[in-house]
Amino acid sequence: MGPKGILIVFSMKQRQVRIETGSEIWGRLTDEEAKSIIDEIMVPEFKKENYFKGLLKGITAIGTELKS
């Protein structure tokens, strides 16, 4: 059995962000949904240098997806 949670990997220097899902989350948060959260919610905030706000909005969006 693998990891059960979610990992957000963010690097300002390399300008990269990823959302990795554990085994119990795979069916509840798809790669497409994760990419949409990154592209539509997190990156626009990062471009404005609102890094904390981008991460917070991303975490909130993930929570919303998992509740539905």
N, C-alpha and C. Protein backbone atom coordinates (compact mmCIF):
# COMPACT_ATOMS: atom_id res chain seq x y z
N MET A 1 0.85 -1.17 0.00
CA MET A 1 0.00 0.00 0.00
C MET A 1 0.89 1.23 0.00
N GLY A 2 0.58 2.18 -0.88
CA GLY A 2 1.39 3.38 -1.00
C GLY A 2 0.89 4.51 -0.10
N PRO A 3 1.46 5.69 -0.32
CA PRO A 3 1.03 6.86 0.45
C PRO A 3 -0.46 7.15 0.27
N LYS A 4 -1.08 7.72 1.29
CA LYS A 4 -2.53 7.91 1.27
C LYS A 4 -2.96 9.35 1.07
N GLY A 5 -2.06 10.28 1.07
CA GLY A 5 -2.44 11.70 1.05
C GLY A 5 -2.15 12.39 -0.26
N ILE A 6 -1.97 13.69 -0.15
CA ILE A 6 -1.68 14.56 -1.29
C ILE A 6 -0.42 15.34 -0.97
N LEU A 7 0.42 15.49 -1.97
CA LEU A 7 1.65 16.25 -1.84
C LEU A 7 1.65 17.33 -2.91
N ILE A 8 1.86 18.58 -2.49
CA ILE A 8 2.01 19.68 -3.44
C ILE A 8 3.48 20.04 -3.46
N VAL A 9 4.08 19.96 -4.62
CA VAL A 9 5.50 20.29 -4.80
C VAL A 9 5.56 21.62 -5.54
N PHE A 10 6.23 22.60 -4.94
CA PHE A 10 6.29 23.94 -5.51
C PHE A 10 7.71 24.47 -5.42
N SER A 11 8.24 24.97 -6.55
CA SER A 11 9.57 25.54 -6.57
C SER A 11 9.52 26.88 -7.30
N MET A 12 9.77 27.95 -6.57
CA MET A 12 9.79 29.27 -7.20
C MET A 12 10.97 29.37 -8.16
N LYS A 13 12.12 28.88 -7.73
CA LYS A 13 13.34 29.00 -8.54
C LYS A 13 13.20 28.27 -9.87
N GLN A 14 12.65 27.07 -9.85
CA GLN A 14 12.49 26.29 -11.08
C GLN A 14 11.16 26.57 -11.77
N ARG A 15 10.31 27.36 -11.13
CA ARG A 15 9.00 27.73 -11.68
C ARG A 15 8.18 26.50 -12.02
N GLN A 16 8.06 25.61 -11.04
CA GLN A 16 7.31 24.38 -11.23
C GLN A 16 6.39 24.13 -10.05
N VAL A 17 5.25 23.51 -10.35
CA VAL A 17 4.32 23.09 -9.31
C VAL A 17 3.69 21.78 -9.77
N ARG A 18 3.52 20.86 -8.81
CA ARG A 18 2.90 19.56 -9.09
C ARG A 18 2.01 19.19 -7.93
N ILE A 19 0.98 18.44 -8.26
CA ILE A 19 0.12 17.85 -7.23
C ILE A 19 0.23 16.34 -7.40
N GLU A 20 0.73 15.67 -6.37
CA GLU A 20 0.88 14.21 -6.39
C GLU A 20 -0.17 13.61 -5.45
N THR A 21 -0.84 12.58 -5.92
CA THR A 21 -1.88 11.95 -5.10
C THR A 21 -1.44 10.56 -4.66
N GLY A 22 -1.83 10.23 -3.44
CA GLY A 22 -1.55 8.90 -2.90
C GLY A 22 -2.60 7.91 -3.33
N SER A 23 -2.41 6.67 -2.96
CA SER A 23 -3.24 5.56 -3.45
C SER A 23 -4.72 5.71 -3.11
N GLU A 24 -5.06 6.29 -1.97
CA GLU A 24 -6.47 6.43 -1.62
C GLU A 24 -7.13 7.63 -2.27
N ILE A 25 -6.37 8.47 -2.93
CA ILE A 25 -6.90 9.69 -3.54
C ILE A 25 -7.01 9.55 -5.07
N TRP A 26 -6.30 8.60 -5.67
CA TRP A 26 -6.23 8.48 -7.13
C TRP A 26 -7.59 8.56 -7.82
N GLY A 27 -8.58 7.87 -7.32
CA GLY A 27 -9.88 7.87 -7.97
C GLY A 27 -10.72 9.10 -7.68
N ARG A 28 -10.31 9.88 -6.69
CA ARG A 28 -11.11 11.03 -6.27
C ARG A 28 -10.60 12.35 -6.81
N LEU A 29 -9.33 12.43 -7.17
CA LEU A 29 -8.73 13.63 -7.77
C LEU A 29 -7.91 13.18 -8.96
N THR A 30 -8.45 13.37 -10.15
CA THR A 30 -7.77 12.91 -11.36
C THR A 30 -6.61 13.82 -11.73
N ASP A 31 -5.75 13.33 -12.59
CA ASP A 31 -4.65 14.16 -13.09
C ASP A 31 -5.17 15.40 -13.80
N GLU A 32 -6.28 15.25 -14.52
CA GLU A 32 -6.87 16.39 -15.24
C GLU A 32 -7.38 17.45 -14.27
N GLU A 33 -8.01 17.01 -13.18
CA GLU A 33 -8.49 17.95 -12.17
C GLU A 33 -7.31 18.65 -11.48
N ALA A 34 -6.27 17.89 -11.18
CA ALA A 34 -5.09 18.48 -10.55
C ALA A 34 -4.44 19.51 -11.48
N LYS A 35 -4.34 19.19 -12.76
CA LYS A 35 -3.76 20.12 -13.74
C LYS A 35 -4.60 21.38 -13.85
N SER A 36 -5.91 21.23 -13.82
CA SER A 36 -6.81 22.37 -13.88
C SER A 36 -6.64 23.27 -12.66
N ILE A 37 -6.52 22.69 -11.50
CA ILE A 37 -6.30 23.46 -10.27
C ILE A 37 -5.00 24.24 -10.37
N ILE A 38 -3.97 23.59 -10.85
CA ILE A 38 -2.67 24.26 -11.00
C ILE A 38 -2.77 25.41 -12.00
N ASP A 39 -3.27 25.11 -13.20
CA ASP A 39 -3.27 26.09 -14.29
C ASP A 39 -4.24 27.25 -14.08
N GLU A 40 -5.41 26.95 -13.54
CA GLU A 40 -6.47 27.97 -13.45
C GLU A 40 -6.53 28.69 -12.11
N ILE A 41 -6.02 28.07 -11.06
CA ILE A 41 -6.15 28.66 -9.73
C ILE A 41 -4.81 29.08 -9.14
N MET A 42 -3.83 28.19 -9.18
CA MET A 42 -2.56 28.46 -8.51
C MET A 42 -1.63 29.36 -9.33
N VAL A 43 -1.41 29.00 -10.58
CA VAL A 43 -0.43 29.74 -11.41
C VAL A 43 -0.79 31.22 -11.55
N PRO A 44 -2.07 31.59 -11.77
CA PRO A 44 -2.36 33.02 -11.86
C PRO A 44 -1.92 33.81 -10.61
N GLU A 45 -2.07 33.21 -9.45
CA GLU A 45 -1.60 33.88 -8.22
C GLU A 45 -0.08 33.92 -8.16
N PHE A 46 0.56 32.84 -8.56
CA PHE A 46 2.03 32.81 -8.56
C PHE A 46 2.59 33.89 -9.48
N LYS A 47 1.94 34.11 -10.62
CA LYS A 47 2.40 35.14 -11.56
C LYS A 47 2.34 36.53 -10.95
N LYS A 48 1.44 36.73 -9.99
CA LYS A 48 1.32 38.00 -9.28
C LYS A 48 2.20 38.02 -8.03
N GLU A 49 3.02 36.97 -7.88
CA GLU A 49 3.90 36.78 -6.73
C GLU A 49 3.13 36.62 -5.42
N ASN A 50 1.90 36.13 -5.52
CA ASN A 50 1.08 35.81 -4.35
C ASN A 50 1.20 34.31 -4.09
N TYR A 51 2.38 33.88 -3.64
CA TYR A 51 2.66 32.45 -3.52
C TYR A 51 1.80 31.79 -2.44
N PHE A 52 1.70 32.41 -1.27
CA PHE A 52 0.89 31.83 -0.21
C PHE A 52 -0.58 31.74 -0.64
N LYS A 53 -1.09 32.82 -1.26
CA LYS A 53 -2.48 32.83 -1.71
C LYS A 53 -2.72 31.76 -2.76
N GLY A 54 -1.77 31.57 -3.68
CA GLY A 54 -1.91 30.53 -4.70
C GLY A 54 -1.95 29.14 -4.10
N LEU A 55 -1.09 28.89 -3.12
CA LEU A 55 -1.10 27.59 -2.45
C LEU A 55 -2.39 27.39 -1.66
N LEU A 56 -2.83 28.43 -0.95
CA LEU A 56 -4.06 28.33 -0.17
C LEU A 56 -5.26 28.07 -1.06
N LYS A 57 -5.35 28.80 -2.18
CA LYS A 57 -6.46 28.59 -3.11
C LYS A 57 -6.41 27.18 -3.71
N GLY A 58 -5.21 26.69 -3.99
CA GLY A 58 -5.05 25.34 -4.52
C GLY A 58 -5.50 24.28 -3.53
N ILE A 59 -5.10 24.45 -2.29
CA ILE A 59 -5.50 23.51 -1.24
C ILE A 59 -7.01 23.54 -1.05
N THR A 60 -7.59 24.71 -1.08
CA THR A 60 -9.04 24.85 -0.95
C THR A 60 -9.76 24.15 -2.10
N ALA A 61 -9.26 24.34 -3.32
CA ALA A 61 -9.86 23.70 -4.50
C ALA A 61 -9.75 22.18 -4.42
N ILE A 62 -8.64 21.68 -3.93
CA ILE A 62 -8.47 20.24 -3.76
C ILE A 62 -9.51 19.72 -2.76
N GLY A 63 -9.67 20.43 -1.65
CA GLY A 63 -10.66 20.04 -0.65
C GLY A 63 -12.07 20.03 -1.23
N THR A 64 -12.39 21.00 -2.04
CA THR A 64 -13.71 21.05 -2.68
C THR A 64 -13.91 19.87 -3.61
N GLU A 65 -12.90 19.52 -4.39
CA GLU A 65 -12.98 18.37 -5.30
C GLU A 65 -13.18 17.07 -4.51
N LEU A 66 -12.49 16.93 -3.42
CA LEU A 66 -12.58 15.70 -2.64
C LEU A 66 -13.91 15.55 -1.92
N LYS A 67 -14.57 16.67 -1.61
CA LYS A 67 -15.87 16.63 -0.94
C LYS A 67 -16.99 16.27 -1.90
N SER A 68 -16.81 16.56 -3.19
CA SER A 68 -17.91 16.32 -4.14
C SER A 68 -17.96 14.89 -4.63
